[in-house]
């Protein structure tokens, strides 16, 4: 079986920045073990698998160790491939997912805008040991359906974190997301998901489904510019829209090839 594959740096305007994702275009669904093996071999935070359907594509995402319900940067990467390399004929693509319904991605100039579900986060008591594991004491902790948002004092604190990933792995959430007001962007964040095989995710689109509603409320505005201050870094343009969040970014293609399995 020959599978076309691309590696795309999402939420970046150039290669070697943003979050790299693999995109695999399939003619049909093989067994899940095969999908997981390909994702593990790619060894990126996510691999997106696509199968054409009547309305657009069915889309699934795998980390090196597990299938996930929602992934922003690999969806953006898939849209980049379909619009710019595969000649998708309209300005929107519908992606059918197994857990999060239909997601729409629209091409807006050099940006790809994703229509995602909002995942508002509510306050929770800071779990014992979280500050020590992260390397900074939280001002506030909030929980969404997937992630914990950990509000810190300032951007510099977020940038300088050196967390204990073994300790973070013990907490029962998908991703620990430290965040603070930004100096130039409206807010900044990082994302650690060791339980899902991702020590640090360079740019996490799905976390902004919780970050954007939170910061929209704090800052009193719905249009937000965010920056994920990982080593690679990435820019996310957010629009809070009630039950939905619009997340837009750029992408750059790093490689394309063929998997032989």
C-alpha atoms as a PDB file:
ATOM      1  CA  UNK A   1       0.000   0.000   0.000  1.00  0.00           C
ATOM      2  CA  UNK A   2       1.319   3.431  -0.991  1.00  0.00           C
ATOM      3  CA  UNK A   3       0.109   6.401   1.060  1.00  0.00           C
ATOM      4  CA  UNK A   4       0.829  10.032   0.077  1.00  0.00           C
ATOM      5  CA  UNK A   5       2.255  11.981   3.023  1.00  0.00           C
ATOM      6  CA  UNK A   6       3.129  15.608   3.654  1.00  0.00           C
ATOM      7  CA  UNK A   7       4.766  17.272   6.641  1.00  0.00           C
ATOM      8  CA  UNK A   8       3.494  20.786   7.253  1.00  0.00           C
ATOM      9  CA  UNK A   9       4.588  23.410   9.780  1.00  0.00           C
ATOM     10  CA  UNK A  10       1.282  24.828  11.044  1.00  0.00           C
ATOM     11  CA  UNK A  11       0.700  28.246  12.611  1.00  0.00           C
ATOM     12  CA  UNK A  12       3.859  29.501  10.920  1.00  0.00           C
ATOM     13  CA  UNK A  13       4.678  31.393   7.731  1.00  0.00           C
ATOM     14  CA  UNK A  14       7.984  29.555   7.215  1.00  0.00           C
ATOM     15  CA  UNK A  15       9.407  26.095   7.745  1.00  0.00           C
ATOM     16  CA  UNK A  16      11.241  25.240  10.973  1.00  0.00           C
ATOM     17  CA  UNK A  17       8.660  27.164  13.025  1.00  0.00           C
ATOM     18  CA  UNK A  18       5.145  26.461  14.260  1.00  0.00           C
ATOM     19  CA  UNK A  19       3.967  22.913  14.896  1.00  0.00           C
ATOM     20  CA  UNK A  20       4.882  20.147  12.440  1.00  0.00           C
ATOM     21  CA  UNK A  21       2.095  17.741  11.537  1.00  0.00           C
ATOM     22  CA  UNK A  22       1.952  14.849   9.102  1.00  0.00           C
ATOM     23  CA  UNK A  23      -0.961  14.596   6.678  1.00  0.00           C
ATOM     24  CA  UNK A  24      -1.811  11.217   5.103  1.00  0.00           C
ATOM     25  CA  UNK A  25      -4.368  10.923   2.309  1.00  0.00           C
ATOM     26  CA  UNK A  26      -6.021   7.488   2.304  1.00  0.00           C
ATOM     27  CA  UNK A  27      -8.347   5.757  -0.155  1.00  0.00           C
ATOM     28  CA  UNK A  28     -10.107   3.954   2.716  1.00  0.00           C
ATOM     29  CA  UNK A  29      -9.638   3.214   6.393  1.00  0.00           C
ATOM     30  CA  UNK A  30      -7.105   0.516   7.321  1.00  0.00           C
ATOM     31  CA  UNK A  31      -7.141  -0.953  10.818  1.00  0.00           C
ATOM     32  CA  UNK A  32      -6.508   1.370  13.734  1.00  0.00           C
ATOM     33  CA  UNK A  33      -3.300  -0.492  14.560  1.00  0.00           C
ATOM     34  CA  UNK A  34      -1.882   0.531  11.197  1.00  0.00           C
ATOM     35  CA  UNK A  35      -2.886   4.182  11.736  1.00  0.00           C
ATOM     36  CA  UNK A  36      -1.288   4.185  15.183  1.00  0.00           C
ATOM     37  CA  UNK A  37       1.875   2.556  13.840  1.00  0.00           C
ATOM     38  CA  UNK A  38       2.212   5.216  11.136  1.00  0.00           C
ATOM     39  CA  UNK A  39       1.729   7.998  13.695  1.00  0.00           C
ATOM     40  CA  UNK A  40       4.317   6.411  15.985  1.00  0.00           C
ATOM     41  CA  UNK A  41       6.758   6.091  13.079  1.00  0.00           C
ATOM     42  CA  UNK A  42       6.212   9.754  12.139  1.00  0.00           C
ATOM     43  CA  UNK A  43       6.904  10.663  15.783  1.00  0.00           C
ATOM     44  CA  UNK A  44       5.222  14.075  15.497  1.00  0.00           C
ATOM     45  CA  UNK A  45       2.726  15.418  17.984  1.00  0.00           C
ATOM     46  CA  UNK A  46      -0.078  14.540  15.536  1.00  0.00           C
ATOM     47  CA  UNK A  47      -0.665  12.808  12.240  1.00  0.00           C
ATOM     48  CA  UNK A  48      -3.875  13.639  10.368  1.00  0.00           C
ATOM     49  CA  UNK A  49      -5.512  10.892   8.292  1.00  0.00           C
ATOM     50  CA  UNK A  50      -8.027  11.836   5.590  1.00  0.00           C
ATOM     51  CA  UNK A  51     -10.543   9.813   3.576  1.00  0.00           C
ATOM     52  CA  UNK A  52     -12.707  11.496   0.921  1.00  0.00           C
ATOM     53  CA  UNK A  53     -16.473  11.392   1.479  1.00  0.00           C
ATOM     54  CA  UNK A  54     -19.535  12.900  -0.219  1.00  0.00           C
ATOM     55  CA  UNK A  55     -19.226  16.323   1.464  1.00  0.00           C
ATOM     56  CA  UNK A  56     -15.485  16.668   1.960  1.00  0.00           C
ATOM     57  CA  UNK A  57     -13.263  14.428   4.060  1.00  0.00           C
ATOM     58  CA  UNK A  58     -13.445  12.279   7.128  1.00  0.00           C
ATOM     59  CA  UNK A  59     -10.606  13.307   9.427  1.00  0.00           C
ATOM     60  CA  UNK A  60      -8.879  11.510  12.311  1.00  0.00           C
ATOM     61  CA  UNK A  61      -5.818  12.475  14.356  1.00  0.00           C
ATOM     62  CA  UNK A  62      -3.260  10.294  16.147  1.00  0.00           C
ATOM     63  CA  UNK A  63      -0.391  11.187  18.463  1.00  0.00           C
ATOM     64  CA  UNK A  64       2.498   8.692  18.659  1.00  0.00           C
ATOM     65  CA  UNK A  65       0.556   6.793  21.348  1.00  0.00           C
ATOM     66  CA  UNK A  66      -3.194   7.482  21.058  1.00  0.00           C
ATOM     67  CA  UNK A  67      -6.036   8.783  18.872  1.00  0.00           C
ATOM     68  CA  UNK A  68      -7.327  12.204  19.954  1.00  0.00           C
ATOM     69  CA  UNK A  69     -10.778  13.790  19.646  1.00  0.00           C
ATOM     70  CA  UNK A  70      -9.702  17.211  18.373  1.00  0.00           C
ATOM     71  CA  UNK A  71      -6.521  18.696  16.920  1.00  0.00           C
ATOM     72  CA  UNK A  72      -6.083  22.187  15.534  1.00  0.00           C
ATOM     73  CA  UNK A  73      -2.637  22.289  13.984  1.00  0.00           C
ATOM     74  CA  UNK A  74      -3.017  19.009  12.061  1.00  0.00           C
ATOM     75  CA  UNK A  75      -6.400  20.205  10.738  1.00  0.00           C
ATOM     76  CA  UNK A  76      -4.742  23.402   9.534  1.00  0.00           C
ATOM     77  CA  UNK A  77      -1.975  21.309   7.963  1.00  0.00           C
ATOM     78  CA  UNK A  78      -4.557  19.149   6.174  1.00  0.00           C
ATOM     79  CA  UNK A  79      -6.293  22.255   4.830  1.00  0.00           C
ATOM     80  CA  UNK A  80      -2.946  23.628   3.573  1.00  0.00           C
ATOM     81  CA  UNK A  81      -2.336  20.417   1.621  1.00  0.00           C
ATOM     82  CA  UNK A  82      -5.837  20.220   0.165  1.00  0.00           C
ATOM     83  CA  UNK A  83      -6.145  23.890  -0.814  1.00  0.00           C
ATOM     84  CA  UNK A  84      -2.634  24.641  -2.009  1.00  0.00           C
ATOM     85  CA  UNK A  85      -1.268  21.284  -3.210  1.00  0.00           C
ATOM     86  CA  UNK A  86      -4.330  19.241  -4.198  1.00  0.00           C
ATOM     87  CA  UNK A  87      -6.387  21.974  -5.871  1.00  0.00           C
ATOM     88  CA  UNK A  88      -9.506  21.927  -3.701  1.00  0.00           C
ATOM     89  CA  UNK A  89     -12.008  23.836  -5.880  1.00  0.00           C
ATOM     90  CA  UNK A  90     -13.931  25.941  -3.311  1.00  0.00           C
ATOM     91  CA  UNK A  91     -13.017  28.307  -0.473  1.00  0.00           C
ATOM     92  CA  UNK A  92     -14.249  25.939   2.267  1.00  0.00           C
ATOM     93  CA  UNK A  93     -13.621  22.317   3.196  1.00  0.00           C
ATOM     94  CA  UNK A  94     -15.849  20.230   5.469  1.00  0.00           C
ATOM     95  CA  UNK A  95     -14.113  17.732   7.735  1.00  0.00           C
ATOM     96  CA  UNK A  96     -16.251  15.078   9.401  1.00  0.00           C
ATOM     97  CA  UNK A  97     -14.812  13.928  12.721  1.00  0.00           C
ATOM     98  CA  UNK A  98     -15.802  11.028  14.949  1.00  0.00           C
ATOM     99  CA  UNK A  99     -16.140  12.941  18.234  1.00  0.00           C
ATOM    100  CA  UNK A 100     -16.420  16.667  17.427  1.00  0.00           C
ATOM    101  CA  UNK A 101     -18.900  16.767  14.550  1.00  0.00           C
ATOM    102  CA  UNK A 102     -18.230  18.657  11.339  1.00  0.00           C
ATOM    103  CA  UNK A 103     -15.391  21.184  11.273  1.00  0.00           C
ATOM    104  CA  UNK A 104     -15.159  23.808   8.523  1.00  0.00           C
ATOM    105  CA  UNK A 105     -11.922  25.337   7.298  1.00  0.00           C
ATOM    106  CA  UNK A 106     -12.030  28.394   5.016  1.00  0.00           C
ATOM    107  CA  UNK A 107      -9.186  29.915   3.012  1.00  0.00           C
ATOM    108  CA  UNK A 108      -8.824  33.651   3.727  1.00  0.00           C
ATOM    109  CA  UNK A 109      -5.887  34.903   1.681  1.00  0.00           C
ATOM    110  CA  UNK A 110      -2.788  33.297   3.188  1.00  0.00           C
ATOM    111  CA  UNK A 111      -4.695  32.332   6.353  1.00  0.00           C
ATOM    112  CA  UNK A 112      -6.679  29.165   6.989  1.00  0.00           C
ATOM    113  CA  UNK A 113      -9.595  29.810   9.360  1.00  0.00           C
ATOM    114  CA  UNK A 114     -10.943  26.856  11.315  1.00  0.00           C
ATOM    115  CA  UNK A 115     -14.453  26.835  12.790  1.00  0.00           C
ATOM    116  CA  UNK A 116     -14.056  24.844  16.018  1.00  0.00           C
ATOM    117  CA  UNK A 117     -16.262  24.210  19.070  1.00  0.00           C
ATOM    118  CA  UNK A 118     -15.692  26.531  22.012  1.00  0.00           C
ATOM    119  CA  UNK A 119     -14.563  24.625  25.109  1.00  0.00           C
ATOM    120  CA  UNK A 120     -14.977  27.140  27.953  1.00  0.00           C
ATOM    121  CA  UNK A 121     -12.950  26.477  31.073  1.00  0.00           C
ATOM    122  CA  UNK A 122     -14.290  26.865  34.602  1.00  0.00           C
ATOM    123  CA  UNK A 123     -12.343  27.567  37.811  1.00  0.00           C
ATOM    124  CA  UNK A 124     -11.040  24.602  39.794  1.00  0.00           C
ATOM    125  CA  UNK A 125      -8.930  24.214  42.908  1.00  0.00           C
ATOM    126  CA  UNK A 126      -5.253  23.940  42.057  1.00  0.00           C
ATOM    127  CA  UNK A 127      -4.326  20.243  42.445  1.00  0.00           C
ATOM    128  CA  UNK A 128      -1.665  19.491  45.028  1.00  0.00           C
ATOM    129  CA  UNK A 129       1.777  19.526  43.474  1.00  0.00           C
ATOM    130  CA  UNK A 130       0.774  21.241  40.215  1.00  0.00           C
ATOM    131  CA  UNK A 131       2.835  24.364  40.862  1.00  0.00           C
ATOM    132  CA  UNK A 132       5.889  22.339  41.819  1.00  0.00           C
ATOM    133  CA  UNK A 133       5.551  20.129  38.737  1.00  0.00           C
ATOM    134  CA  UNK A 134       5.107  23.105  36.434  1.00  0.00           C
ATOM    135  CA  UNK A 135       7.793  25.222  38.065  1.00  0.00           C
ATOM    136  CA  UNK A 136       5.588  28.226  38.933  1.00  0.00           C
ATOM    137  CA  UNK A 137       2.683  28.767  41.299  1.00  0.00           C
ATOM    138  CA  UNK A 138      -0.639  29.379  39.529  1.00  0.00           C
ATOM    139  CA  UNK A 139      -2.633  32.554  39.984  1.00  0.00           C
ATOM    140  CA  UNK A 140      -5.680  30.550  38.831  1.00  0.00           C
ATOM    141  CA  UNK A 141      -6.434  27.096  37.424  1.00  0.00           C
ATOM    142  CA  UNK A 142      -9.355  26.407  35.100  1.00  0.00           C
ATOM    143  CA  UNK A 143     -10.546  23.137  33.575  1.00  0.00           C
ATOM    144  CA  UNK A 144     -12.084  22.635  30.142  1.00  0.00           C
ATOM    145  CA  UNK A 145     -13.348  19.288  28.853  1.00  0.00           C
ATOM    146  CA  UNK A 146      -9.791  18.452  27.731  1.00  0.00           C
ATOM    147  CA  UNK A 147      -7.208  20.702  29.317  1.00  0.00           C
ATOM    148  CA  UNK A 148      -6.195  22.635  32.410  1.00  0.00           C
ATOM    149  CA  UNK A 149      -5.439  26.313  31.908  1.00  0.00           C
ATOM    150  CA  UNK A 150      -2.887  27.553  34.429  1.00  0.00           C
ATOM    151  CA  UNK A 151      -2.865  31.357  34.628  1.00  0.00           C
ATOM    152  CA  UNK A 152       0.556  32.737  35.564  1.00  0.00           C
ATOM    153  CA  UNK A 153       1.834  36.193  36.446  1.00  0.00           C
ATOM    154  CA  UNK A 154       3.370  37.280  33.164  1.00  0.00           C
ATOM    155  CA  UNK A 155       4.738  36.238  29.782  1.00  0.00           C
ATOM    156  CA  UNK A 156       8.291  35.873  31.048  1.00  0.00           C
ATOM    157  CA  UNK A 157       7.201  33.298  33.635  1.00  0.00           C
ATOM    158  CA  UNK A 158       5.491  31.256  30.908  1.00  0.00           C
ATOM    159  CA  UNK A 159       8.548  31.441  28.657  1.00  0.00           C
ATOM    160  CA  UNK A 160      10.994  30.362  31.376  1.00  0.00           C
ATOM    161  CA  UNK A 161       9.098  27.291  32.622  1.00  0.00           C
ATOM    162  CA  UNK A 162      11.113  24.080  32.903  1.00  0.00           C
ATOM    163  CA  UNK A 163       8.465  21.619  34.099  1.00  0.00           C
ATOM    164  CA  UNK A 164       8.950  18.195  35.610  1.00  0.00           C
ATOM    165  CA  UNK A 165       7.308  16.154  32.860  1.00  0.00           C
ATOM    166  CA  UNK A 166       7.279  12.949  34.908  1.00  0.00           C
ATOM    167  CA  UNK A 167       5.329  14.769  37.638  1.00  0.00           C
ATOM    168  CA  UNK A 168       2.995  16.425  35.104  1.00  0.00           C
ATOM    169  CA  UNK A 169       2.206  13.026  33.593  1.00  0.00           C
ATOM    170  CA  UNK A 170       0.449  12.034  36.823  1.00  0.00           C
ATOM    171  CA  UNK A 171      -2.284  14.660  36.459  1.00  0.00           C
ATOM    172  CA  UNK A 172      -5.530  13.502  34.887  1.00  0.00           C
ATOM    173  CA  UNK A 173      -5.899  15.881  31.980  1.00  0.00           C
ATOM    174  CA  UNK A 174      -4.946  15.879  28.331  1.00  0.00           C
ATOM    175  CA  UNK A 175      -2.797  18.978  28.415  1.00  0.00           C
ATOM    176  CA  UNK A 176      -1.484  21.432  31.018  1.00  0.00           C
ATOM    177  CA  UNK A 177      -1.588  24.893  29.425  1.00  0.00           C
ATOM    178  CA  UNK A 178       0.227  27.709  31.263  1.00  0.00           C
ATOM    179  CA  UNK A 179      -0.908  31.125  30.006  1.00  0.00           C
ATOM    180  CA  UNK A 180      -0.521  34.831  30.719  1.00  0.00           C
ATOM    181  CA  UNK A 181      -1.155  38.226  29.171  1.00  0.00           C
ATOM    182  CA  UNK A 182       1.266  38.924  26.356  1.00  0.00           C
ATOM    183  CA  UNK A 183       3.625  41.845  25.857  1.00  0.00           C
ATOM    184  CA  UNK A 184       2.830  42.144  22.133  1.00  0.00           C
ATOM    185  CA  UNK A 185       0.164  39.479  21.605  1.00  0.00           C
ATOM    186  CA  UNK A 186      -3.049  39.579  23.633  1.00  0.00           C
ATOM    187  CA  UNK A 187      -2.022  36.396  25.431  1.00  0.00           C
ATOM    188  CA  UNK A 188       0.663  33.741  25.364  1.00  0.00           C
ATOM    189  CA  UNK A 189       0.693  30.072  26.286  1.00  0.00           C
ATOM    190  CA  UNK A 190       2.611  26.818  26.233  1.00  0.00           C
ATOM    191  CA  UNK A 191       1.248  23.263  26.296  1.00  0.00           C
ATOM    192  CA  UNK A 192       2.519  20.088  27.943  1.00  0.00           C
ATOM    193  CA  UNK A 193       0.868  16.722  27.271  1.00  0.00           C
ATOM    194  CA  UNK A 194       3.216  13.952  28.477  1.00  0.00           C
ATOM    195  CA  UNK A 195       0.292  11.564  29.122  1.00  0.00           C
ATOM    196  CA  UNK A 196      -0.392  11.658  25.354  1.00  0.00           C
ATOM    197  CA  UNK A 197       3.221  11.153  24.339  1.00  0.00           C
ATOM    198  CA  UNK A 198       3.863  14.879  23.743  1.00  0.00           C
ATOM    199  CA  UNK A 199       6.349  16.405  26.209  1.00  0.00           C
ATOM    200  CA  UNK A 200       5.697  19.908  24.835  1.00  0.00           C
ATOM    201  CA  UNK A 201       3.418  20.696  21.911  1.00  0.00           C
ATOM    202  CA  UNK A 202       4.890  23.606  19.922  1.00  0.00           C
ATOM    203  CA  UNK A 203       1.523  25.188  18.966  1.00  0.00           C
ATOM    204  CA  UNK A 204      -1.782  23.738  20.161  1.00  0.00           C
ATOM    205  CA  UNK A 205      -4.800  24.885  18.175  1.00  0.00           C
ATOM    206  CA  UNK A 206      -7.331  22.901  20.199  1.00  0.00           C
ATOM    207  CA  UNK A 207      -6.151  24.469  23.478  1.00  0.00           C
ATOM    208  CA  UNK A 208      -7.223  27.825  22.048  1.00  0.00           C
ATOM    209  CA  UNK A 209     -10.812  26.543  22.082  1.00  0.00           C
ATOM    210  CA  UNK A 210     -10.551  27.167  25.840  1.00  0.00           C
ATOM    211  CA  UNK A 211      -7.937  29.932  25.847  1.00  0.00           C
ATOM    212  CA  UNK A 212      -9.841  32.230  23.482  1.00  0.00           C
ATOM    213  CA  UNK A 213     -13.104  32.308  25.505  1.00  0.00           C
ATOM    214  CA  UNK A 214     -11.154  32.815  28.736  1.00  0.00           C
ATOM    215  CA  UNK A 215      -9.058  35.715  27.477  1.00  0.00           C
ATOM    216  CA  UNK A 216     -12.005  37.246  25.605  1.00  0.00           C
ATOM    217  CA  UNK A 217     -13.728  37.522  28.974  1.00  0.00           C
ATOM    218  CA  UNK A 218     -10.669  38.869  30.770  1.00  0.00           C
ATOM    219  CA  UNK A 219      -9.726  41.406  28.096  1.00  0.00           C
ATOM    220  CA  UNK A 220     -13.270  42.346  27.051  1.00  0.00           C
ATOM    221  CA  UNK A 221     -12.836  41.736  23.335  1.00  0.00           C
ATOM    222  CA  UNK A 222     -13.583  38.890  20.929  1.00  0.00           C
ATOM    223  CA  UNK A 223     -10.791  39.373  18.360  1.00  0.00           C
ATOM    224  CA  UNK A 224      -7.515  38.143  19.848  1.00  0.00           C
ATOM    225  CA  UNK A 225      -3.971  37.600  18.661  1.00  0.00           C
ATOM    226  CA  UNK A 226      -2.219  34.782  20.500  1.00  0.00           C
ATOM    227  CA  UNK A 227       1.326  33.476  20.499  1.00  0.00           C
ATOM    228  CA  UNK A 228       2.456  30.102  21.779  1.00  0.00           C
ATOM    229  CA  UNK A 229       5.909  30.737  23.189  1.00  0.00           C
ATOM    230  CA  UNK A 230       7.486  27.316  22.712  1.00  0.00           C
ATOM    231  CA  UNK A 231      10.981  27.072  21.252  1.00  0.00           C
ATOM    232  CA  UNK A 232       9.511  26.926  17.725  1.00  0.00           C
ATOM    233  CA  UNK A 233       6.752  29.461  18.416  1.00  0.00           C
ATOM    234  CA  UNK A 234       3.495  30.003  16.566  1.00  0.00           C
ATOM    235  CA  UNK A 235       0.854  32.663  15.958  1.00  0.00           C
ATOM    236  CA  UNK A 236      -2.896  32.005  16.303  1.00  0.00           C
ATOM    237  CA  UNK A 237      -5.579  34.527  15.364  1.00  0.00           C
ATOM    238  CA  UNK A 238      -8.678  33.872  17.492  1.00  0.00           C
ATOM    239  CA  UNK A 239     -12.263  35.050  17.280  1.00  0.00           C
ATOM    240  CA  UNK A 240     -14.616  34.245  20.120  1.00  0.00           C
ATOM    241  CA  UNK A 241     -18.065  33.466  18.662  1.00  0.00           C
ATOM    242  CA  UNK A 242     -20.186  32.111  21.504  1.00  0.00           C
ATOM    243  CA  UNK A 243     -20.480  28.361  21.073  1.00  0.00           C
ATOM    244  CA  UNK A 244     -17.759  28.408  18.400  1.00  0.00           C
ATOM    245  CA  UNK A 245     -14.197  29.668  18.164  1.00  0.00           C
ATOM    246  CA  UNK A 246     -12.572  30.736  14.902  1.00  0.00           C
ATOM    247  CA  UNK A 247      -8.862  29.933  14.840  1.00  0.00           C
ATOM    248  CA  UNK A 248      -6.734  31.109  11.937  1.00  0.00           C
ATOM    249  CA  UNK A 249      -3.108  30.660  11.030  1.00  0.00           C
ATOM    250  CA  UNK A 250      -0.605  30.215   8.247  1.00  0.00           C
ATOM    251  CA  UNK A 251       1.268  27.063   7.240  1.00  0.00           C
ATOM    252  CA  UNK A 252       4.391  26.040   5.326  1.00  0.00           C
ATOM    253  CA  UNK A 253       5.010  22.702   3.614  1.00  0.00           C
ATOM    254  CA  UNK A 254       8.275  21.062   4.702  1.00  0.00           C
ATOM    255  CA  UNK A 255       8.192  17.786   2.722  1.00  0.00           C
ATOM    256  CA  UNK A 256       6.063  15.448   0.677  1.00  0.00           C
ATOM    257  CA  UNK A 257       6.535  11.814  -0.142  1.00  0.00           C
ATOM    258  CA  UNK A 258       5.057   8.336  -0.045  1.00  0.00           C
ATOM    259  CA  UNK A 259       4.729   5.788   2.717  1.00  0.00           C
ATOM    260  CA  UNK A 260       5.183   2.172   1.642  1.00  0.00           C
ATOM    261  CA  UNK A 261       3.499  -0.288   3.987  1.00  0.00           C
END
